[in-house]
Amino acid sequence: MTIEAIEMNEQGRIVIPAHLRKSLGLHGKQKLAIWLADGKLIIEKIETVKADLKADFKQLRDQGVSLSEELIEERRTEAQHEHDTSA
C-alpha cells in the first residue's frame, strides 16, 4: 500500500492522483459516493455501492428476512409503547 499526501483547497476540493484514478477505473466526469466510516473518508464509484447494496438485500431476501415486516413490527411496538406511557 502506498500512502500519498494530497492537498485540499479552501472550497474543500481534492484531486485524486491520476494513477489512483486509473487503477480504480475512474475517468472523466462521474458520480462517486462518499461517506465517513470509523473516522475515515470513503470514496467509491456509485455503481459499486449499488451492486453491494443489491447483493446485501438479495442475501437478506434469500435468508427469508423481510425488512418491511420488521419495520411494521417495530412501528407497532413503538405505537404500543407510546400508548402505554400516555395512559
N, C-alpha and C. Protein backbone atom coordinates (compact mmCIF):
# COMPACT_ATOMS: atom_id res chain seq x y z
N MET A 1 0.85 -1.17 0.00
CA MET A 1 0.00 0.00 0.00
C MET A 1 0.90 1.24 0.00
N THR A 2 0.59 2.16 -0.89
CA THR A 2 1.32 3.41 -0.98
C THR A 2 0.45 4.53 -0.44
N ILE A 3 0.99 5.32 0.45
CA ILE A 3 0.26 6.45 1.02
C ILE A 3 0.83 7.72 0.42
N GLU A 4 -0.07 8.60 -0.02
CA GLU A 4 0.35 9.86 -0.61
C GLU A 4 -0.29 11.02 0.13
N ALA A 5 0.39 12.14 0.15
CA ALA A 5 -0.16 13.36 0.71
C ALA A 5 -0.76 14.18 -0.43
N ILE A 6 -2.00 14.60 -0.25
CA ILE A 6 -2.64 15.47 -1.23
C ILE A 6 -3.13 16.70 -0.49
N GLU A 7 -3.44 17.74 -1.22
CA GLU A 7 -3.91 18.97 -0.60
C GLU A 7 -5.39 19.17 -0.87
N MET A 8 -6.05 19.81 0.07
CA MET A 8 -7.44 20.21 -0.08
C MET A 8 -7.45 21.74 -0.16
N ASN A 9 -8.19 22.29 -1.13
CA ASN A 9 -8.22 23.74 -1.25
C ASN A 9 -9.27 24.34 -0.31
N GLU A 10 -9.41 25.66 -0.36
CA GLU A 10 -10.32 26.37 0.54
C GLU A 10 -11.78 25.95 0.36
N GLN A 11 -12.14 25.48 -0.82
CA GLN A 11 -13.51 25.03 -1.09
C GLN A 11 -13.72 23.56 -0.71
N GLY A 12 -12.69 22.91 -0.18
CA GLY A 12 -12.80 21.51 0.20
C GLY A 12 -12.54 20.54 -0.93
N ARG A 13 -12.05 21.03 -2.04
CA ARG A 13 -11.81 20.17 -3.20
C ARG A 13 -10.45 19.48 -3.10
N ILE A 14 -10.44 18.23 -3.54
CA ILE A 14 -9.19 17.47 -3.62
C ILE A 14 -9.06 16.90 -5.03
N VAL A 15 -7.85 16.55 -5.39
CA VAL A 15 -7.60 15.90 -6.68
C VAL A 15 -7.09 14.50 -6.38
N ILE A 16 -7.78 13.50 -6.95
CA ILE A 16 -7.32 12.12 -6.81
C ILE A 16 -6.21 11.92 -7.84
N PRO A 17 -5.03 11.50 -7.40
CA PRO A 17 -3.91 11.34 -8.33
C PRO A 17 -4.28 10.43 -9.51
N ALA A 18 -3.72 10.75 -10.67
CA ALA A 18 -4.06 10.06 -11.92
C ALA A 18 -3.87 8.55 -11.84
N HIS A 19 -2.79 8.09 -11.24
CA HIS A 19 -2.56 6.64 -11.19
C HIS A 19 -3.59 5.93 -10.32
N LEU A 20 -4.10 6.60 -9.29
CA LEU A 20 -5.16 6.01 -8.47
C LEU A 20 -6.48 5.99 -9.23
N ARG A 21 -6.77 7.09 -9.95
CA ARG A 21 -7.99 7.10 -10.78
C ARG A 21 -7.95 5.98 -11.80
N LYS A 22 -6.80 5.79 -12.42
CA LYS A 22 -6.66 4.75 -13.44
C LYS A 22 -6.85 3.36 -12.82
N SER A 23 -6.23 3.11 -11.69
CA SER A 23 -6.34 1.78 -11.08
C SER A 23 -7.75 1.49 -10.58
N LEU A 24 -8.52 2.54 -10.27
CA LEU A 24 -9.91 2.36 -9.82
C LEU A 24 -10.91 2.41 -10.97
N GLY A 25 -10.42 2.69 -12.17
CA GLY A 25 -11.32 2.78 -13.31
C GLY A 25 -12.14 4.05 -13.32
N LEU A 26 -11.62 5.09 -12.70
CA LEU A 26 -12.31 6.39 -12.69
C LEU A 26 -11.84 7.19 -13.89
N HIS A 27 -12.79 7.74 -14.63
CA HIS A 27 -12.42 8.51 -15.80
C HIS A 27 -13.47 9.58 -16.06
N GLY A 28 -13.01 10.70 -16.57
CA GLY A 28 -13.93 11.78 -16.91
C GLY A 28 -14.77 12.22 -15.72
N LYS A 29 -15.91 12.77 -16.05
CA LYS A 29 -16.84 13.25 -15.02
C LYS A 29 -17.77 12.10 -14.66
N GLN A 30 -17.76 11.67 -13.42
CA GLN A 30 -18.68 10.63 -12.99
C GLN A 30 -19.05 10.82 -11.53
N LYS A 31 -20.19 10.25 -11.16
CA LYS A 31 -20.68 10.37 -9.78
C LYS A 31 -19.97 9.36 -8.90
N LEU A 32 -19.62 9.81 -7.70
CA LEU A 32 -19.00 8.96 -6.71
C LEU A 32 -19.81 9.04 -5.42
N ALA A 33 -19.76 8.00 -4.62
CA ALA A 33 -20.38 8.00 -3.30
C ALA A 33 -19.28 8.32 -2.29
N ILE A 34 -19.63 9.10 -1.27
CA ILE A 34 -18.65 9.49 -0.26
C ILE A 34 -19.32 9.45 1.11
N TRP A 35 -18.63 8.89 2.10
CA TRP A 35 -19.18 8.84 3.45
C TRP A 35 -18.05 8.66 4.45
N LEU A 36 -18.40 8.86 5.73
CA LEU A 36 -17.45 8.65 6.82
C LEU A 36 -17.69 7.29 7.44
N ALA A 37 -16.62 6.56 7.72
CA ALA A 37 -16.70 5.27 8.40
C ALA A 37 -15.51 5.17 9.35
N ASP A 38 -15.81 5.10 10.63
CA ASP A 38 -14.75 4.99 11.64
C ASP A 38 -13.72 6.10 11.51
N GLY A 39 -14.19 7.32 11.27
CA GLY A 39 -13.30 8.46 11.16
C GLY A 39 -12.51 8.54 9.86
N LYS A 40 -12.86 7.70 8.89
CA LYS A 40 -12.17 7.70 7.60
C LYS A 40 -13.13 8.13 6.51
N LEU A 41 -12.62 8.87 5.55
CA LEU A 41 -13.40 9.30 4.40
C LEU A 41 -13.32 8.21 3.34
N ILE A 42 -14.47 7.67 2.94
CA ILE A 42 -14.52 6.59 1.96
C ILE A 42 -15.12 7.14 0.67
N ILE A 43 -14.48 6.85 -0.45
CA ILE A 43 -14.97 7.27 -1.76
C ILE A 43 -15.05 6.03 -2.64
N GLU A 44 -16.23 5.78 -3.22
CA GLU A 44 -16.41 4.64 -4.12
C GLU A 44 -17.25 5.05 -5.30
N LYS A 45 -17.13 4.27 -6.37
CA LYS A 45 -18.00 4.51 -7.53
C LYS A 45 -19.43 4.17 -7.13
N ILE A 46 -20.38 4.98 -7.61
CA ILE A 46 -21.80 4.75 -7.33
C ILE A 46 -22.20 3.34 -7.74
N GLU A 47 -21.71 2.90 -8.89
CA GLU A 47 -22.07 1.57 -9.39
C GLU A 47 -21.66 0.47 -8.41
N THR A 48 -20.50 0.63 -7.79
CA THR A 48 -20.01 -0.35 -6.82
C THR A 48 -20.91 -0.38 -5.59
N VAL A 49 -21.29 0.79 -5.11
CA VAL A 49 -22.16 0.87 -3.93
C VAL A 49 -23.51 0.25 -4.23
N LYS A 50 -24.08 0.56 -5.40
CA LYS A 50 -25.37 -0.02 -5.78
C LYS A 50 -25.29 -1.54 -5.85
N ALA A 51 -24.24 -2.05 -6.47
CA ALA A 51 -24.08 -3.50 -6.60
C ALA A 51 -23.95 -4.16 -5.23
N ASP A 52 -23.20 -3.53 -4.33
CA ASP A 52 -23.04 -4.08 -2.98
C ASP A 52 -24.37 -4.11 -2.23
N LEU A 53 -25.14 -3.02 -2.34
CA LEU A 53 -26.44 -2.96 -1.67
C LEU A 53 -27.40 -4.01 -2.23
N LYS A 54 -27.42 -4.15 -3.55
CA LYS A 54 -28.28 -5.17 -4.15
C LYS A 54 -27.92 -6.56 -3.65
N ALA A 55 -26.63 -6.84 -3.56
CA ALA A 55 -26.18 -8.15 -3.08
C ALA A 55 -26.58 -8.36 -1.62
N ASP A 56 -26.45 -7.31 -0.81
CA ASP A 56 -26.84 -7.41 0.61
C ASP A 56 -28.33 -7.70 0.74
N PHE A 57 -29.16 -6.95 -0.01
CA PHE A 57 -30.61 -7.16 0.07
C PHE A 57 -31.02 -8.52 -0.48
N LYS A 58 -30.33 -8.98 -1.52
CA LYS A 58 -30.62 -10.31 -2.06
C LYS A 58 -30.31 -11.37 -1.02
N GLN A 59 -29.20 -11.22 -0.34
CA GLN A 59 -28.83 -12.18 0.70
C GLN A 59 -29.88 -12.21 1.81
N LEU A 60 -30.36 -11.04 2.23
CA LEU A 60 -31.41 -10.99 3.25
C LEU A 60 -32.68 -11.67 2.76
N ARG A 61 -33.05 -11.37 1.51
CA ARG A 61 -34.26 -11.97 0.95
C ARG A 61 -34.12 -13.49 0.87
N ASP A 62 -32.95 -13.95 0.44
CA ASP A 62 -32.70 -15.39 0.33
C ASP A 62 -32.74 -16.08 1.70
N GLN A 63 -32.44 -15.32 2.75
CA GLN A 63 -32.49 -15.87 4.11
C GLN A 63 -33.89 -15.78 4.71
N GLY A 64 -34.82 -15.24 3.94
CA GLY A 64 -36.20 -15.13 4.42
C GLY A 64 -36.46 -13.91 5.28
N VAL A 65 -35.54 -12.96 5.28
CA VAL A 65 -35.71 -11.75 6.08
C VAL A 65 -36.57 -10.76 5.30
N SER A 66 -37.63 -10.26 5.95
CA SER A 66 -38.49 -9.26 5.33
C SER A 66 -38.30 -7.94 6.08
N LEU A 67 -37.58 -7.02 5.46
CA LEU A 67 -37.32 -5.73 6.12
C LEU A 67 -38.61 -4.95 6.33
N SER A 68 -39.55 -5.07 5.40
CA SER A 68 -40.81 -4.34 5.57
C SER A 68 -41.58 -4.90 6.76
N GLU A 69 -41.60 -6.21 6.93
CA GLU A 69 -42.29 -6.80 8.08
C GLU A 69 -41.60 -6.41 9.39
N GLU A 70 -40.28 -6.36 9.39
CA GLU A 70 -39.55 -5.94 10.59
C GLU A 70 -39.88 -4.49 10.93
N LEU A 71 -39.95 -3.62 9.92
CA LEU A 71 -40.28 -2.22 10.14
C LEU A 71 -41.70 -2.08 10.70
N ILE A 72 -42.64 -2.80 10.11
CA ILE A 72 -44.03 -2.74 10.59
C ILE A 72 -44.10 -3.18 12.04
N GLU A 73 -43.41 -4.25 12.39
CA GLU A 73 -43.43 -4.74 13.77
C GLU A 73 -42.80 -3.73 14.73
N GLU A 74 -41.70 -3.08 14.30
CA GLU A 74 -41.08 -2.04 15.13
C GLU A 74 -42.05 -0.89 15.36
N ARG A 75 -42.76 -0.47 14.31
CA ARG A 75 -43.72 0.64 14.44
C ARG A 75 -44.86 0.26 15.38
N ARG A 76 -45.33 -0.98 15.27
CA ARG A 76 -46.40 -1.44 16.18
C ARG A 76 -45.93 -1.39 17.63
N THR A 77 -44.71 -1.87 17.86
CA THR A 77 -44.16 -1.87 19.22
C THR A 77 -44.02 -0.45 19.74
N GLU A 78 -43.51 0.46 18.91
CA GLU A 78 -43.37 1.86 19.31
C GLU A 78 -44.72 2.49 19.61
N ALA A 79 -45.71 2.22 18.76
CA ALA A 79 -47.05 2.78 18.97
C ALA A 79 -47.65 2.25 20.27
N GLN A 80 -47.46 0.96 20.55
CA GLN A 80 -47.98 0.39 21.79
C GLN A 80 -47.28 1.01 22.99
N HIS A 81 -45.97 1.21 22.89
CA HIS A 81 -45.21 1.83 23.98
C HIS A 81 -45.70 3.26 24.23
N GLU A 82 -45.92 4.02 23.15
CA GLU A 82 -46.42 5.39 23.30
C GLU A 82 -47.80 5.39 23.93
N HIS A 83 -48.64 4.48 23.53
CA HIS A 83 -49.99 4.37 24.08
C HIS A 83 -49.92 4.03 25.56
N ASP A 84 -49.05 3.10 25.93
CA ASP A 84 -48.93 2.68 27.33
C ASP A 84 -48.39 3.78 28.21
N THR A 85 -47.44 4.59 27.70
CA THR A 85 -46.85 5.65 28.53
C THR A 85 -47.72 6.88 28.60
N SER A 86 -48.64 7.06 27.66
CA SER A 86 -49.51 8.24 27.69
C SER A 86 -50.78 7.98 28.49
N ALA A 87 -51.05 6.74 28.82
CA ALA A 87 -52.28 6.39 29.55
C ALA A 87 -52.13 6.56 31.04
